[in-house]
C-alpha atoms as a PDB file:
ATOM      1  CA  UNK A   1      47.105 -15.969  30.661  1.00  0.00           C
ATOM      2  CA  UNK A   2      49.897 -16.042  32.971  1.00  0.00           C
ATOM      3  CA  UNK A   3      49.754 -12.758  34.573  1.00  0.00           C
ATOM      4  CA  UNK A   4      46.250 -13.299  35.725  1.00  0.00           C
ATOM      5  CA  UNK A   5      47.261 -16.109  37.597  1.00  0.00           C
ATOM      6  CA  UNK A   6      50.534 -14.289  38.820  1.00  0.00           C
ATOM      7  CA  UNK A   7      48.241 -11.109  40.472  1.00  0.00           C
ATOM      8  CA  UNK A   8      46.442 -14.404  41.745  1.00  0.00           C
ATOM      9  CA  UNK A   9      48.979 -15.995  43.854  1.00  0.00           C
ATOM     10  CA  UNK A  10      50.541 -12.108  45.377  1.00  0.00           C
ATOM     11  CA  UNK A  11      48.808  -9.016  43.852  1.00  0.00           C
ATOM     12  CA  UNK A  12      46.603  -7.482  45.710  1.00  0.00           C
ATOM     13  CA  UNK A  13      43.850  -8.902  47.165  1.00  0.00           C
ATOM     14  CA  UNK A  14      40.066  -8.165  45.176  1.00  0.00           C
ATOM     15  CA  UNK A  15      37.149  -7.809  46.837  1.00  0.00           C
ATOM     16  CA  UNK A  16      32.944  -9.387  46.309  1.00  0.00           C
ATOM     17  CA  UNK A  17      32.783 -10.741  43.128  1.00  0.00           C
ATOM     18  CA  UNK A  18      36.726 -10.936  42.033  1.00  0.00           C
ATOM     19  CA  UNK A  19      37.414 -12.476  45.386  1.00  0.00           C
ATOM     20  CA  UNK A  20      35.424 -15.174  44.762  1.00  0.00           C
ATOM     21  CA  UNK A  21      36.949 -16.160  40.925  1.00  0.00           C
ATOM     22  CA  UNK A  22      40.480 -15.611  42.895  1.00  0.00           C
ATOM     23  CA  UNK A  23      39.536 -17.959  44.859  1.00  0.00           C
ATOM     24  CA  UNK A  24      38.312 -20.531  42.684  1.00  0.00           C
ATOM     25  CA  UNK A  25      41.061 -20.026  40.074  1.00  0.00           C
ATOM     26  CA  UNK A  26      43.672 -20.685  43.330  1.00  0.00           C
ATOM     27  CA  UNK A  27      41.693 -23.589  44.194  1.00  0.00           C
ATOM     28  CA  UNK A  28      42.925 -25.207  40.919  1.00  0.00           C
ATOM     29  CA  UNK A  29      46.445 -25.198  42.074  1.00  0.00           C
ATOM     30  CA  UNK A  30      49.091 -27.002  43.361  1.00  0.00           C
ATOM     31  CA  UNK A  31      52.209 -25.775  45.308  1.00  0.00           C
ATOM     32  CA  UNK A  32      55.481 -27.050  47.044  1.00  0.00           C
ATOM     33  CA  UNK A  33      57.934 -25.848  49.881  1.00  0.00           C
ATOM     34  CA  UNK A  34      61.117 -26.249  47.921  1.00  0.00           C
ATOM     35  CA  UNK A  35      62.676 -27.284  51.297  1.00  0.00           C
ATOM     36  CA  UNK A  36      60.861 -29.466  52.968  1.00  0.00           C
ATOM     37  CA  UNK A  37      58.359 -30.689  50.524  1.00  0.00           C
ATOM     38  CA  UNK A  38      55.462 -30.522  51.776  1.00  0.00           C
ATOM     39  CA  UNK A  39      52.226 -28.913  50.159  1.00  0.00           C
ATOM     40  CA  UNK A  40      51.512 -24.671  50.484  1.00  0.00           C
ATOM     41  CA  UNK A  41      47.922 -22.908  50.432  1.00  0.00           C
ATOM     42  CA  UNK A  42      48.126 -20.819  47.702  1.00  0.00           C
ATOM     43  CA  UNK A  43      45.322 -19.434  48.716  1.00  0.00           C
ATOM     44  CA  UNK A  44      46.792 -17.587  52.262  1.00  0.00           C
ATOM     45  CA  UNK A  45      48.273 -14.703  50.465  1.00  0.00           C
ATOM     46  CA  UNK A  46      51.074 -13.298  51.955  1.00  0.00           C
ATOM     47  CA  UNK A  47      53.422 -13.901  48.906  1.00  0.00           C
ATOM     48  CA  UNK A  48      56.399 -11.253  47.224  1.00  0.00           C
ATOM     49  CA  UNK A  49      57.536 -13.355  44.967  1.00  0.00           C
ATOM     50  CA  UNK A  50      56.486 -16.174  42.237  1.00  0.00           C
ATOM     51  CA  UNK A  51      58.893 -18.496  39.698  1.00  0.00           C
ATOM     52  CA  UNK A  52      56.918 -18.673  35.959  1.00  0.00           C
ATOM     53  CA  UNK A  53      57.806 -21.091  34.009  1.00  0.00           C
ATOM     54  CA  UNK A  54      56.252 -22.396  30.910  1.00  0.00           C
ATOM     55  CA  UNK A  55      57.362 -26.303  29.643  1.00  0.00           C
ATOM     56  CA  UNK A  56      56.618 -25.744  25.804  1.00  0.00           C
ATOM     57  CA  UNK A  57      56.838 -22.275  24.248  1.00  0.00           C
ATOM     58  CA  UNK A  58      56.531 -19.432  26.057  1.00  0.00           C
ATOM     59  CA  UNK A  59      56.437 -15.464  23.981  1.00  0.00           C
ATOM     60  CA  UNK A  60      57.914 -11.855  24.006  1.00  0.00           C
ATOM     61  CA  UNK A  61      54.518 -11.060  24.487  1.00  0.00           C
ATOM     62  CA  UNK A  62      53.807 -12.795  27.486  1.00  0.00           C
ATOM     63  CA  UNK A  63      57.067 -11.152  29.231  1.00  0.00           C
ATOM     64  CA  UNK A  64      56.390  -8.294  28.571  1.00  0.00           C
ATOM     65  CA  UNK A  65      52.801  -8.240  30.135  1.00  0.00           C
ATOM     66  CA  UNK A  66      53.736  -9.745  33.168  1.00  0.00           C
ATOM     67  CA  UNK A  67      57.453  -6.761  33.217  1.00  0.00           C
ATOM     68  CA  UNK A  68      54.112  -4.328  32.892  1.00  0.00           C
ATOM     69  CA  UNK A  69      52.071  -5.684  35.881  1.00  0.00           C
ATOM     70  CA  UNK A  70      55.744  -5.505  37.913  1.00  0.00           C
ATOM     71  CA  UNK A  71      55.995  -1.939  37.039  1.00  0.00           C
ATOM     72  CA  UNK A  72      52.420  -1.728  38.995  1.00  0.00           C
ATOM     73  CA  UNK A  73      53.924  -3.869  42.315  1.00  0.00           C
ATOM     74  CA  UNK A  74      56.779  -2.724  42.717  1.00  0.00           C
ATOM     75  CA  UNK A  75      57.803  -4.772  45.260  1.00  0.00           C
ATOM     76  CA  UNK A  76      56.688  -7.872  44.113  1.00  0.00           C
ATOM     77  CA  UNK A  77      59.239  -9.676  42.238  1.00  0.00           C
ATOM     78  CA  UNK A  78      58.585 -12.063  38.980  1.00  0.00           C
ATOM     79  CA  UNK A  79      60.531 -14.735  37.409  1.00  0.00           C
ATOM     80  CA  UNK A  80      59.958 -15.948  34.276  1.00  0.00           C
ATOM     81  CA  UNK A  81      61.433 -18.950  32.093  1.00  0.00           C
ATOM     82  CA  UNK A  82      60.395 -21.611  29.086  1.00  0.00           C
ATOM     83  CA  UNK A  83      62.302 -24.264  27.840  1.00  0.00           C
ATOM     84  CA  UNK A  84      61.192 -22.126  24.580  1.00  0.00           C
ATOM     85  CA  UNK A  85      60.580 -18.752  22.626  1.00  0.00           C
ATOM     86  CA  UNK A  86      57.723 -18.543  20.227  1.00  0.00           C
ATOM     87  CA  UNK A  87      57.904 -15.816  17.780  1.00  0.00           C
ATOM     88  CA  UNK A  88      54.397 -15.066  15.799  1.00  0.00           C
ATOM     89  CA  UNK A  89      56.321 -17.397  12.809  1.00  0.00           C
ATOM     90  CA  UNK A  90      57.335 -19.986  15.000  1.00  0.00           C
ATOM     91  CA  UNK A  91      53.562 -20.866  16.778  1.00  0.00           C
ATOM     92  CA  UNK A  92      52.255 -20.475  12.794  1.00  0.00           C
ATOM     93  CA  UNK A  93      54.138 -22.888  12.516  1.00  0.00           C
ATOM     94  CA  UNK A  94      53.648 -24.920  16.015  1.00  0.00           C
ATOM     95  CA  UNK A  95      50.340 -25.257  14.823  1.00  0.00           C
ATOM     96  CA  UNK A  96      50.461 -26.131  11.614  1.00  0.00           C
ATOM     97  CA  UNK A  97      52.338 -29.009  12.234  1.00  0.00           C
ATOM     98  CA  UNK A  98      50.089 -29.803  15.289  1.00  0.00           C
ATOM     99  CA  UNK A  99      47.188 -29.723  12.603  1.00  0.00           C
ATOM    100  CA  UNK A 100      48.963 -32.266  10.092  1.00  0.00           C
ATOM    101  CA  UNK A 101      49.875 -34.363  12.538  1.00  0.00           C
ATOM    102  CA  UNK A 102      46.126 -35.074  14.192  1.00  0.00           C
ATOM    103  CA  UNK A 103      45.221 -35.252   9.850  1.00  0.00           C
ATOM    104  CA  UNK A 104      47.273 -38.162  10.124  1.00  0.00           C
ATOM    105  CA  UNK A 105      45.541 -39.868  13.106  1.00  0.00           C
ATOM    106  CA  UNK A 106      41.670 -38.596  12.281  1.00  0.00           C
ATOM    107  CA  UNK A 107      42.465 -39.607   8.309  1.00  0.00           C
ATOM    108  CA  UNK A 108      40.149 -42.813   7.300  1.00  0.00           C
ATOM    109  CA  UNK A 109      41.656 -45.658   5.616  1.00  0.00           C
ATOM    110  CA  UNK A 110      40.901 -46.352   2.514  1.00  0.00           C
ATOM    111  CA  UNK A 111      38.916 -49.959   3.976  1.00  0.00           C
ATOM    112  CA  UNK A 112      36.672 -47.277   5.251  1.00  0.00           C
ATOM    113  CA  UNK A 113      35.293 -46.022   1.881  1.00  0.00           C
END
C-alpha cells in the first residue's frame, strides 16, 4: 500500500533484507525536482516531506493509514490527495462497472458459436 511506499521514501533506514526490499521498491520509481526538472535519486534519503496524489480512487482507509504512520514519525510530513475519494460502496460500484465493460469486450459474437 501507499504507507509502505511512503515509509520507503522518507522513513527510517532499514537494515538487512528490509534494506534490499526498500532498494528494489525505490528503483522502480522515478522522481523529478519541480524547480529545475532534473531527475532525483530516491535512494540517497534525506527527505522529510512527500506529496502523494492518487489518480483515480483514493480512500479514507489509505488516508487513515498515512496519518497513523505520521503519528509514529513526528518529523515527517505527508500530504495526501486523489482525483476521487471512494468509500466501500463506490469502490464496489466501480468494480461492477469495470466488470461489465470487460464482459462487453470479451463476449463471443453470435457468429463465433
